Amino acid sequence: MLKNNLLIIFILLLSIACSKAPLKVTQGATRSIYPDMIGVNGNLAHIDKPWNNDSLVQVTKQLAVTNFRYPAGSLGNYWNWDTGWLDTNLPDSLMIKWVVEQGLTKSKNRYTLENFAEGQKKLGFTPVFMLNMLSQDLDHSVRNLLRAEKLGLPIKYIELGNELFFNLPLEMSVYPTPEDYGKTCKIWIDSLKHHFPEAKYAIIGNYLKRRKRHTDWTTRALAHCDNADAVTYHKYSPAGIDGKQERKKITPGTEGISDLLTATRKSDAKDIKDIQKWEIDLLKNDTAYANFLHTAEHAARNYKNINAPEGVEIWVTEFNMRDDNSALRGTWANTLYIAKYYEEFLNSPVTITNIHNIIGDKFQQIFSNNTLLNHIKWTNVTSKPWTLSAAGIATSIFASATKEMQSATVLSLNESLQIMDDRGNSVSTFGGWIFSSDQSKRIVLINYGKDPLTIDVSNLGNFKTVRMYMAPSEKYITKGFSDINIIENQFTNALKLEPFSFTLIE
């Protein structure tokens, strides 16, 4: 009996000695952030008087974004703010192709400043105003921003045009060179500052170098515009799990589409159903999954190529995963992919973000009908209207964590948790941030990996509640938060982070 007891004690001691101690969390660099940093691109042209729609209002509350871009991106280049719709005096031939293809020039919908102000009063977001510098003049923008101010809208962030660097007929005729654009921005900002001296002003940044007009756009524009506070950056990227990278030669509306010739992994399948199932299966492969996460990281870091000078802010007023037929679009893995974007932006000079788009068929944060995942062919998927998408949940978590906060401190572990992609790039499977203000703190922890993590957070301070969001990486998010597992507990110094999970600590 004594011998057996000694053996049991020995096994227990050996088990304790071999068990892995909790990983310790350490604090790294701290940066200041805007309390309304996380926002959305607000193209709501497919809904008449959108903020009269109670379903949209309620689900946007769940999205929790703290800024909202109006009227939108390329659509705004043709926007008549007086009427809340596209310029009727502009021929279809001078508009970007997708605007005409979607029938918006014939639509009876209207999205006026008055309706936008209703949405702002109901939800409290900060507007990011994108001005029409293409089909309207400076007086038009001044007059309507003054009108917006009278409606009670904060005039805080002003963006001068959208993607005018593309070689489209109207864009090239109005701004033959980035120097012409910069000179015009200088005049507009000087004038606007007389009326709105506290506002910040962003001009268009660009990293394309294919043609002379594209090359060094940001530097050449800023050489003639010394009064801008920020430059904008847009980025779309493929899923990349199979090794495909973004196509080099892009046209307006094709940003982020992959180049089929650069895939490092090949599928013999020819049917779209088989290809999509193959993609889903690749999520179980660490190297392929690293391809996926690194694609998002690399795309976000591309902000460096717009050559924004030190001291000039970067506003990412459009970004998202762009993979029209990928089986991964809409999965919980998609949520993790978007989180990598947000992490990279937090670790950079980026001050404003607007994920594209609030609704739509490829980039939605919110499902507005039940067919918005109809690109999935290998299985049956139906989205529930007026719930958050996979990307929308990532945005909601980061927006909730950063709301009214003033600084962000990156967190790391005492052990490096890395996976390697097909090209030899390492990707961390842990992410974490403390967001702070004078009154409060919040923490976001992300376990991108397939194994649970036990971490020691005793050195991060005292908190009250822990809320963990998790799902299998391959699961399609079709009904927002009700589609995932959410666990709420009281805060303790040792936390177990489940695989593929977000943890919000308050």
Protein backbone atom coordinates (compact mmCIF):
# COMPACT_ATOMS: atom_id res chain seq x y z
CA MET A 1 0.00 0.00 0.00
CA LEU A 2 2.81 2.43 0.96
CA LYS A 3 4.58 1.64 -2.29
CA ASN A 4 1.42 2.39 -4.29
CA ASN A 5 0.87 5.66 -2.42
CA LEU A 6 4.43 6.74 -3.10
CA LEU A 7 3.95 5.96 -6.79
CA ILE A 8 0.76 8.05 -6.91
CA ILE A 9 2.51 10.97 -5.17
CA PHE A 10 5.45 10.70 -7.59
CA ILE A 11 3.10 10.77 -10.61
CA LEU A 12 1.26 13.81 -9.22
CA LEU A 13 4.52 15.68 -8.58
CA LEU A 14 5.78 14.80 -12.03
CA SER A 15 2.51 16.02 -13.55
CA ILE A 16 2.76 19.33 -11.68
CA ALA A 17 6.39 19.77 -12.70
CA CYS A 18 5.63 19.07 -16.34
CA SER A 19 2.44 21.15 -16.54
CA LYS A 20 2.84 24.40 -18.37
CA ALA A 21 2.81 27.53 -16.23
CA PRO A 22 0.46 30.34 -17.33
CA LEU A 23 2.00 32.64 -19.90
CA LYS A 24 2.72 36.08 -18.50
CA VAL A 25 1.39 39.17 -20.24
CA THR A 26 3.71 42.16 -20.55
CA GLN A 27 2.95 45.71 -21.63
CA GLY A 28 4.74 47.28 -24.58
CA ALA A 29 4.56 50.60 -26.41
CA THR A 30 1.72 53.04 -25.79
CA ARG A 31 0.23 55.39 -28.36
CA SER A 32 -2.55 57.96 -28.19
CA ILE A 33 -5.78 57.19 -30.04
CA TYR A 34 -8.91 59.09 -30.90
CA PRO A 35 -11.95 58.10 -28.81
CA ASP A 36 -13.86 57.73 -32.09
CA MET A 37 -11.19 55.82 -34.02
CA ILE A 38 -13.25 52.84 -35.23
CA GLY A 39 -15.84 53.61 -37.90
CA VAL A 40 -17.50 52.41 -41.06
CA ASN A 41 -17.82 53.56 -44.65
CA GLY A 42 -21.44 54.66 -44.93
CA ASN A 43 -22.62 53.89 -48.45
CA LEU A 44 -26.36 53.52 -47.80
CA ALA A 45 -27.48 54.43 -51.31
CA HIS A 46 -29.56 51.27 -51.65
CA ILE A 47 -31.96 52.38 -48.88
CA ASP A 48 -34.27 55.39 -49.15
CA LYS A 49 -34.02 57.62 -46.05
CA PRO A 50 -31.92 54.93 -44.33
CA TRP A 51 -32.08 56.28 -40.80
CA ASN A 52 -35.87 56.00 -40.82
CA ASN A 53 -35.29 52.23 -40.87
CA ASP A 54 -35.54 51.06 -37.24
CA SER A 55 -33.92 47.70 -38.04
CA LEU A 56 -30.83 49.46 -39.42
CA VAL A 57 -30.65 51.73 -36.37
CA GLN A 58 -30.84 48.85 -33.90
CA VAL A 59 -28.20 46.67 -35.57
CA THR A 60 -25.89 49.67 -36.04
CA LYS A 61 -26.06 50.08 -32.26
CA GLN A 62 -24.64 46.55 -32.04
CA LEU A 63 -21.95 47.46 -34.56
CA ALA A 64 -20.97 50.15 -32.02
CA VAL A 65 -18.89 52.22 -34.45
CA THR A 66 -17.88 55.64 -33.18
CA ASN A 67 -17.45 57.40 -36.55
CA PHE A 68 -19.39 57.21 -39.80
CA ARG A 69 -18.32 58.26 -43.31
CA TYR A 70 -20.81 60.32 -45.35
CA PRO A 71 -21.89 60.13 -48.10
CA ALA A 72 -19.47 57.30 -49.00
CA GLY A 73 -16.42 56.72 -51.21
CA SER A 74 -16.50 56.94 -55.00
CA LEU A 75 -20.22 57.67 -54.87
CA GLY A 76 -19.38 60.87 -53.03
CA ASN A 77 -17.36 62.15 -55.99
CA TYR A 78 -20.68 62.69 -57.79
CA TRP A 79 -22.83 63.62 -54.78
CA ASN A 80 -25.13 66.63 -54.77
CA TRP A 81 -25.37 67.51 -51.09
CA ASP A 82 -28.24 69.89 -51.79
CA THR A 83 -30.52 67.03 -52.83
CA GLY A 84 -28.92 64.06 -51.04
CA TRP A 85 -28.28 62.13 -54.24
CA LEU A 86 -26.11 61.93 -57.36
CA ASP A 87 -25.67 64.92 -59.65
CA THR A 88 -28.40 64.71 -62.26
CA ASN A 89 -26.47 66.97 -64.64
CA LEU A 90 -23.54 64.52 -64.86
CA PRO A 91 -23.76 61.96 -67.70
CA ASP A 92 -23.39 58.26 -66.88
CA SER A 93 -20.29 58.13 -69.05
CA LEU A 94 -18.38 60.31 -66.57
CA MET A 95 -19.23 58.25 -63.49
CA ILE A 96 -17.34 55.26 -62.19
CA LYS A 97 -18.64 52.10 -63.86
CA TRP A 98 -20.19 50.33 -60.85
CA VAL A 99 -22.39 53.32 -59.93
CA VAL A 100 -24.12 53.09 -63.31
CA GLU A 101 -24.21 49.27 -63.35
CA GLN A 102 -26.05 49.22 -60.02
CA GLY A 103 -28.72 51.55 -61.37
CA LEU A 104 -28.02 54.29 -58.87
CA THR A 105 -28.23 57.08 -61.44
CA LYS A 106 -31.91 56.11 -62.02
CA SER A 107 -32.78 55.45 -58.38
CA LYS A 108 -35.51 57.36 -56.55
CA ASN A 109 -33.77 56.90 -53.20
CA ARG A 110 -32.54 59.90 -51.25
CA TYR A 111 -29.99 60.19 -48.43
CA THR A 112 -30.03 63.81 -47.31
CA LEU A 113 -28.02 65.60 -44.67
CA GLU A 114 -31.21 65.85 -42.65
CA ASN A 115 -31.59 62.07 -42.66
CA PHE A 116 -27.90 61.60 -41.82
CA ALA A 117 -28.39 63.98 -38.87
CA GLU A 118 -31.24 61.76 -37.66
CA GLY A 119 -28.92 58.79 -37.64
CA GLN A 120 -26.24 60.75 -35.80
CA LYS A 121 -28.71 61.85 -33.11
CA LYS A 122 -29.90 58.28 -32.60
CA LEU A 123 -26.43 56.72 -32.50
CA GLY A 124 -24.00 59.47 -31.48
CA PHE A 125 -21.25 58.75 -34.01
CA THR A 126 -18.78 61.36 -35.30
CA PRO A 127 -19.21 62.12 -39.03
CA VAL A 128 -16.30 61.77 -41.43
CA PHE A 129 -17.40 64.07 -44.26
CA MET A 130 -16.11 63.11 -47.72
CA LEU A 131 -16.38 66.16 -49.98
CA ASN A 132 -17.22 66.20 -53.67
CA MET A 133 -14.21 67.82 -55.35
CA LEU A 134 -15.03 66.38 -58.76
CA SER A 135 -18.47 67.48 -59.92
CA GLN A 136 -19.15 70.32 -57.46
CA ASP A 137 -17.24 73.42 -56.38
CA LEU A 138 -15.89 74.74 -53.09
CA ASP A 139 -18.97 76.90 -52.42
CA HIS A 140 -21.13 73.80 -52.59
CA SER A 141 -19.09 72.10 -49.84
CA VAL A 142 -18.84 75.18 -47.62
CA ARG A 143 -22.56 75.84 -47.87
CA ASN A 144 -23.49 72.26 -47.04
CA LEU A 145 -21.03 71.85 -44.18
CA LEU A 146 -22.49 75.01 -42.64
CA ARG A 147 -25.92 73.44 -43.13
CA ALA A 148 -24.69 70.25 -41.46
CA GLU A 149 -23.44 72.28 -38.51
CA LYS A 150 -26.88 73.91 -38.13
CA LEU A 151 -28.40 70.42 -38.07
CA GLY A 152 -26.23 69.66 -35.03
CA LEU A 153 -23.65 67.51 -36.79
CA PRO A 154 -20.08 67.77 -35.43
CA ILE A 155 -17.66 69.12 -38.06
CA LYS A 156 -14.53 67.30 -36.93
CA TYR A 157 -13.14 65.18 -39.79
CA ILE A 158 -13.16 66.33 -43.43
CA GLU A 159 -11.86 64.26 -46.34
CA LEU A 160 -11.08 65.92 -49.67
CA GLY A 161 -12.28 63.60 -52.39
CA ASN A 162 -12.01 59.86 -52.93
CA GLU A 163 -9.50 57.89 -55.06
CA LEU A 164 -9.07 60.66 -57.61
CA PHE A 165 -5.74 59.09 -58.60
CA PHE A 166 -7.44 56.53 -60.86
CA ASN A 167 -7.06 57.37 -64.54
CA LEU A 168 -10.74 57.90 -65.27
CA PRO A 169 -11.86 60.55 -67.77
CA LEU A 170 -13.44 63.06 -65.37
CA GLU A 171 -10.74 62.62 -62.73
CA MET A 172 -7.95 63.17 -65.25
CA SER A 173 -9.63 66.23 -66.77
CA VAL A 174 -10.19 67.96 -63.42
CA TYR A 175 -6.86 66.87 -61.86
CA PRO A 176 -4.35 66.06 -64.63
CA THR A 177 -1.59 65.64 -62.03
CA PRO A 178 -1.32 65.18 -58.26
CA GLU A 179 0.23 68.66 -58.20
CA ASP A 180 -3.07 70.05 -59.52
CA TYR A 181 -4.96 68.16 -56.87
CA GLY A 182 -2.62 69.38 -54.10
CA LYS A 183 -2.95 73.02 -55.18
CA THR A 184 -6.74 72.73 -55.15
CA CYS A 185 -6.70 71.09 -51.70
CA LYS A 186 -4.55 73.95 -50.37
CA ILE A 187 -7.20 76.49 -51.47
CA TRP A 188 -10.11 74.40 -50.16
CA ILE A 189 -8.53 73.77 -46.75
CA ASP A 190 -7.62 77.44 -46.29
CA SER A 191 -11.22 78.40 -47.04
CA LEU A 192 -12.78 75.66 -44.93
CA LYS A 193 -10.59 76.52 -41.94
CA HIS A 194 -12.16 80.00 -41.81
CA HIS A 195 -15.45 78.29 -41.01
CA PHE A 196 -14.24 75.18 -39.20
CA PRO A 197 -10.87 75.96 -37.60
CA GLU A 198 -10.99 73.00 -35.20
CA ALA A 199 -11.63 70.38 -37.89
CA LYS A 200 -8.94 68.08 -39.28
CA TYR A 201 -8.47 67.77 -43.04
CA ALA A 202 -7.25 64.75 -45.01
CA ILE A 203 -6.12 64.64 -48.63
CA ILE A 204 -5.94 61.51 -50.78
CA GLY A 205 -2.87 59.31 -50.40
CA ASN A 206 -1.86 56.64 -52.88
CA TYR A 207 0.72 53.87 -53.32
CA LEU A 208 0.14 52.94 -56.98
CA LYS A 209 3.15 53.36 -59.29
CA ARG A 210 2.01 51.91 -62.58
CA ARG A 211 1.72 55.17 -64.47
CA LYS A 212 3.30 58.60 -64.27
CA ARG A 213 0.16 60.21 -62.83
CA HIS A 214 0.01 57.60 -60.03
CA THR A 215 3.68 57.59 -59.08
CA ASP A 216 4.60 59.41 -55.85
CA TRP A 217 1.09 60.86 -55.72
CA THR A 218 1.14 61.59 -51.96
CA THR A 219 4.52 63.36 -52.00
CA ARG A 220 3.69 65.39 -55.07
CA ALA A 221 0.28 66.45 -53.75
CA LEU A 222 1.59 67.42 -50.31
CA ALA A 223 4.35 69.50 -51.91
CA HIS A 224 1.57 71.94 -52.85
CA CYS A 225 -0.63 71.45 -49.81
CA ASP A 226 1.12 72.21 -46.54
CA ASN A 227 -2.09 72.66 -44.52
CA ALA A 228 -3.38 69.07 -44.55
CA ASP A 229 -3.54 67.18 -41.26
CA ALA A 230 -3.80 63.69 -42.74
CA VAL A 231 -3.65 61.53 -45.85
CA THR A 232 -6.07 58.72 -46.65
CA TYR A 233 -5.19 55.11 -47.35
CA HIS A 234 -7.42 52.41 -48.88
CA LYS A 235 -6.66 48.72 -48.91
CA TYR A 236 -8.45 45.56 -49.98
CA SER A 237 -6.79 42.16 -49.92
CA PRO A 238 -7.53 38.56 -50.94
CA ALA A 239 -7.98 35.78 -48.39
CA GLY A 240 -4.60 34.37 -49.41
CA ILE A 241 -4.94 31.02 -47.67
CA ASP A 242 -3.81 29.26 -50.85
CA GLY A 243 -0.86 31.60 -51.30
CA LYS A 244 -2.52 33.93 -53.82
CA GLN A 245 -1.51 37.57 -53.58
CA GLU A 246 -3.15 40.79 -54.68
CA ARG A 247 -3.23 41.41 -58.42
CA LYS A 248 -0.71 44.08 -59.37
CA LYS A 249 -2.71 45.64 -62.18
CA ILE A 250 -5.98 46.84 -60.70
CA THR A 251 -8.73 49.06 -61.99
CA PRO A 252 -11.38 50.97 -60.02
CA GLY A 253 -13.62 48.40 -58.36
CA THR A 254 -11.16 45.48 -58.63
CA GLU A 255 -8.88 46.41 -55.72
CA GLY A 256 -7.76 43.42 -53.66
CA ILE A 257 -8.61 40.73 -56.20
CA SER A 258 -5.99 37.98 -56.22
CA ASP A 259 -3.59 37.09 -58.99
CA LEU A 260 -4.14 33.44 -59.89
CA LEU A 261 -0.56 33.04 -61.08
CA THR A 262 1.09 33.57 -57.71
CA ALA A 263 -0.57 30.79 -55.71
CA THR A 264 1.87 28.61 -53.80
CA ARG A 265 -0.76 25.93 -53.19
CA LYS A 266 -2.72 24.34 -56.01
CA SER A 267 -6.02 22.52 -56.10
CA ASP A 268 -6.79 19.99 -58.82
CA ALA A 269 -10.50 20.67 -58.32
CA LYS A 270 -12.27 22.43 -61.16
CA ASP A 271 -15.75 22.73 -59.69
CA ILE A 272 -16.35 25.79 -57.47
CA LYS A 273 -17.86 23.56 -54.77
CA ASP A 274 -14.72 21.44 -54.57
CA ILE A 275 -12.45 24.48 -54.57
CA GLN A 276 -14.41 26.08 -51.74
CA LYS A 277 -14.35 22.87 -49.69
CA TRP A 278 -10.58 22.70 -50.27
CA GLU A 279 -10.24 26.25 -48.91
CA ILE A 280 -12.19 25.34 -45.78
CA ASP A 281 -10.00 22.29 -45.24
CA LEU A 282 -6.89 24.49 -45.53
CA LEU A 283 -7.92 26.24 -42.29
CA LYS A 284 -6.78 23.09 -40.46
CA ASN A 285 -3.27 23.43 -41.90
CA ASP A 286 -1.08 25.72 -39.79
CA THR A 287 1.03 26.88 -42.74
CA ALA A 288 -1.95 27.69 -44.94
CA TYR A 289 -3.71 29.40 -42.01
CA ALA A 290 -0.56 31.50 -41.54
CA ASN A 291 -0.84 32.49 -45.23
CA PHE A 292 -4.32 33.77 -44.43
CA LEU A 293 -3.39 35.82 -41.35
CA HIS A 294 -0.19 37.17 -42.87
CA THR A 295 -2.09 38.39 -45.94
CA ALA A 296 -4.14 40.68 -43.68
CA GLU A 297 -1.06 41.85 -41.75
CA HIS A 298 0.90 42.58 -44.90
CA ALA A 299 -2.00 44.44 -46.52
CA ALA A 300 -2.51 46.66 -43.49
CA ARG A 301 1.22 47.45 -43.27
CA ASN A 302 1.14 48.65 -46.87
CA TYR A 303 0.14 52.06 -45.47
CA LYS A 304 3.89 52.72 -45.38
CA ASN A 305 3.96 52.87 -49.17
CA ILE A 306 1.75 55.96 -49.36
CA ASN A 307 4.76 57.90 -47.97
CA ALA A 308 2.91 59.95 -45.40
CA PRO A 309 5.44 62.30 -43.76
CA GLU A 310 6.11 62.04 -40.05
CA GLY A 311 3.55 64.03 -38.11
CA VAL A 312 0.86 63.63 -40.78
CA GLU A 313 -1.98 61.34 -39.72
CA ILE A 314 -3.24 58.40 -41.77
CA TRP A 315 -6.97 57.83 -42.15
CA VAL A 316 -7.89 54.40 -43.48
CA THR A 317 -11.27 55.36 -44.89
CA GLU A 318 -11.77 52.06 -46.77
CA PHE A 319 -10.44 48.54 -46.15
CA ASN A 320 -11.63 44.94 -46.09
CA MET A 321 -10.94 41.43 -47.33
CA ARG A 322 -11.67 41.17 -51.05
CA ASP A 323 -12.20 37.63 -52.25
CA ASP A 324 -15.48 37.49 -54.14
CA ASN A 325 -15.84 33.69 -54.40
CA SER A 326 -13.76 32.54 -51.44
CA ALA A 327 -15.37 30.07 -49.07
CA LEU A 328 -13.67 31.91 -46.21
CA ARG A 329 -15.66 35.09 -46.71
CA GLY A 330 -18.32 35.01 -44.01
CA THR A 331 -16.64 32.48 -41.70
CA TRP A 332 -15.39 33.08 -38.17
CA ALA A 333 -11.90 32.97 -39.72
CA ASN A 334 -12.97 36.11 -41.62
CA THR A 335 -13.57 37.75 -38.22
CA LEU A 336 -10.02 36.90 -37.15
CA TYR A 337 -8.66 38.17 -40.46
CA ILE A 338 -10.25 41.61 -39.90
CA ALA A 339 -8.83 41.65 -36.37
CA LYS A 340 -5.33 41.46 -37.86
CA TYR A 341 -6.10 44.61 -39.84
CA TYR A 342 -7.22 46.43 -36.69
CA GLU A 343 -4.15 45.29 -34.77
CA GLU A 344 -1.81 46.57 -37.48
CA PHE A 345 -3.62 49.93 -37.60
CA LEU A 346 -3.29 50.27 -33.84
CA ASN A 347 0.44 49.63 -34.19
CA SER A 348 0.86 52.48 -36.71
CA PRO A 349 0.20 56.22 -37.24
CA VAL A 350 -3.39 55.43 -38.29
CA THR A 351 -5.88 57.58 -36.38
CA ILE A 352 -9.20 57.00 -38.18
CA THR A 353 -10.58 53.79 -39.71
CA ASN A 354 -13.68 53.21 -41.84
CA ILE A 355 -14.17 49.58 -42.79
CA HIS A 356 -16.02 49.15 -46.08
CA ASN A 357 -19.03 48.91 -46.03
CA ILE A 358 -22.00 49.08 -43.67
CA ILE A 359 -24.17 47.02 -46.08
CA GLY A 360 -23.61 45.46 -49.51
CA ASP A 361 -23.05 42.19 -51.31
CA LYS A 362 -19.32 41.59 -50.75
CA PHE A 363 -18.10 43.70 -47.84
CA GLN A 364 -21.07 44.07 -45.50
CA GLN A 365 -20.77 44.68 -41.79
CA ILE A 366 -24.53 44.24 -41.56
CA PHE A 367 -26.72 41.77 -43.47
CA SER A 368 -29.61 43.67 -45.07
CA ASN A 369 -31.21 40.60 -46.72
CA ASN A 370 -31.01 36.80 -46.67
CA THR A 371 -28.94 36.24 -49.83
CA LEU A 372 -25.73 38.03 -48.88
CA LEU A 373 -23.68 34.85 -48.57
CA ASN A 374 -24.90 33.40 -51.85
CA HIS A 375 -21.32 33.13 -53.12
CA ILE A 376 -21.02 29.98 -50.97
CA LYS A 377 -21.69 27.00 -53.24
CA TRP A 378 -20.28 24.01 -51.35
CA THR A 379 -22.95 24.17 -48.63
CA ASN A 380 -26.22 25.97 -47.97
CA VAL A 381 -25.85 29.31 -46.17
CA THR A 382 -28.56 31.91 -45.58
CA SER A 383 -27.94 35.22 -43.83
CA LYS A 384 -30.46 36.67 -41.37
CA PRO A 385 -31.37 40.28 -42.22
CA TRP A 386 -30.35 42.99 -39.77
CA THR A 387 -27.67 41.02 -37.97
CA LEU A 388 -23.89 41.49 -37.94
CA SER A 389 -21.64 39.68 -40.40
CA ALA A 390 -18.37 37.97 -39.47
CA ALA A 391 -16.44 41.17 -40.25
CA GLY A 392 -19.05 43.20 -38.40
CA ILE A 393 -18.40 41.29 -35.19
CA ALA A 394 -14.66 42.10 -35.35
CA THR A 395 -15.49 45.77 -35.93
CA SER A 396 -17.98 45.75 -33.06
CA ILE A 397 -15.46 44.30 -30.61
CA PHE A 398 -12.75 46.83 -31.46
CA ALA A 399 -15.24 49.72 -31.57
CA SER A 400 -16.64 48.76 -28.16
CA ALA A 401 -13.15 48.43 -26.68
CA THR A 402 -11.82 51.77 -27.98
CA LYS A 403 -14.93 53.94 -27.46
CA GLU A 404 -14.05 57.09 -25.48
CA MET A 405 -10.52 55.82 -24.88
CA GLN A 406 -7.42 57.98 -25.27
CA SER A 407 -4.49 55.56 -25.45
CA ALA A 408 -3.65 52.04 -26.56
CA THR A 409 -0.89 49.85 -25.11
CA VAL A 410 0.16 46.72 -26.96
CA LEU A 411 0.40 43.47 -24.98
CA SER A 412 2.68 40.53 -25.58
CA LEU A 413 3.48 37.20 -23.93
CA ASN A 414 6.70 35.97 -22.37
CA GLU A 415 6.68 33.16 -24.94
CA SER A 416 6.50 33.82 -28.66
CA LEU A 417 3.59 32.01 -30.31
CA GLN A 418 4.26 31.95 -34.03
CA ILE A 419 3.18 30.01 -37.09
CA MET A 420 5.02 30.18 -40.42
CA ASP A 421 3.46 30.65 -43.85
CA ASP A 422 4.48 29.17 -47.20
CA ARG A 423 6.86 32.06 -47.90
CA GLY A 424 8.65 31.91 -44.55
CA ASN A 425 6.80 34.79 -42.87
CA SER A 426 5.97 34.31 -39.20
CA VAL A 427 2.61 35.32 -37.74
CA SER A 428 1.76 35.67 -34.07
CA THR A 429 -1.27 33.74 -32.83
CA PHE A 430 -1.73 36.10 -29.87
CA GLY A 431 -2.86 39.70 -29.91
CA GLY A 432 -3.70 42.04 -27.08
CA TRP A 433 -4.27 45.69 -26.19
CA ILE A 434 -5.13 47.82 -23.17
CA PHE A 435 -7.23 50.86 -24.01
CA SER A 436 -7.25 53.62 -21.41
CA SER A 437 -8.87 56.94 -20.57
CA ASP A 438 -8.79 59.08 -17.44
CA GLN A 439 -11.87 57.25 -16.19
CA SER A 440 -11.54 53.64 -17.29
CA LYS A 441 -9.68 50.84 -19.02
CA ARG A 442 -10.61 47.96 -21.30
CA ILE A 443 -8.59 45.02 -22.60
CA VAL A 444 -8.92 43.01 -25.80
CA LEU A 445 -7.14 39.64 -26.02
CA ILE A 446 -7.18 37.50 -29.17
CA ASN A 447 -6.21 33.86 -29.50
CA TYR A 448 -5.85 33.28 -33.25
CA GLY A 449 -4.54 29.77 -32.61
CA LYS A 450 -6.17 26.34 -32.50
CA ASP A 451 -5.01 25.58 -28.93
CA PRO A 452 -6.24 27.16 -25.68
CA LEU A 453 -3.94 29.56 -23.84
CA THR A 454 -3.74 30.08 -20.09
CA ILE A 455 -2.35 33.52 -19.31
CA ASP A 456 -1.46 35.44 -16.18
CA VAL A 457 -2.91 38.99 -16.28
CA SER A 458 -2.26 39.86 -12.63
CA ASN A 459 -0.01 42.80 -13.60
CA LEU A 460 -2.64 44.56 -15.74
CA GLY A 461 -4.75 45.96 -12.91
CA ASN A 462 -8.17 45.33 -11.48
CA PHE A 463 -11.16 44.71 -13.72
CA LYS A 464 -14.70 43.41 -13.25
CA THR A 465 -16.01 41.38 -16.13
CA VAL A 466 -14.64 39.06 -18.82
CA ARG A 467 -16.60 38.34 -21.99
CA MET A 468 -15.25 35.76 -24.45
CA TYR A 469 -16.48 35.38 -28.04
CA MET A 470 -15.59 32.19 -29.89
CA ALA A 471 -16.54 29.85 -32.70
CA PRO A 472 -14.87 27.22 -34.90
CA SER A 473 -12.82 28.97 -37.57
CA GLU A 474 -14.82 27.36 -40.41
CA LYS A 475 -18.25 28.32 -39.03
CA TYR A 476 -20.33 30.70 -41.16
CA ILE A 477 -21.64 33.68 -39.22
CA THR A 478 -25.17 34.20 -40.51
CA LYS A 479 -27.04 35.55 -37.49
CA GLY A 480 -24.56 37.86 -35.76
CA PHE A 481 -23.71 37.33 -32.10
CA SER A 482 -26.39 34.66 -31.70
CA ASP A 483 -24.29 32.45 -34.00
CA ILE A 484 -21.28 32.25 -31.70
CA ASN A 485 -20.48 31.12 -28.17
CA ILE A 486 -20.28 33.95 -25.63
CA ILE A 487 -19.09 33.26 -22.08
CA GLU A 488 -19.24 35.89 -19.33
CA ASN A 489 -17.31 35.57 -16.06
CA GLN A 490 -15.91 37.67 -13.27
CA PHE A 491 -12.32 38.84 -13.77
CA THR A 492 -9.55 36.66 -12.35
CA ASN A 493 -5.77 36.92 -12.60
CA ALA A 494 -5.52 33.70 -14.62
CA LEU A 495 -7.54 33.48 -17.81
CA LYS A 496 -8.04 30.65 -20.24
CA LEU A 497 -8.32 31.91 -23.82
CA GLU A 498 -10.21 29.39 -25.92
CA PRO A 499 -9.07 28.67 -29.50
CA PHE A 500 -10.08 31.25 -32.11
CA SER A 501 -11.43 33.62 -29.49
CA PHE A 502 -11.75 37.30 -28.61
CA THR A 503 -11.82 38.30 -24.95
CA LEU A 504 -13.10 41.72 -23.87
CA ILE A 505 -12.23 42.70 -20.29
CA GLU A 506 -13.83 45.71 -18.60
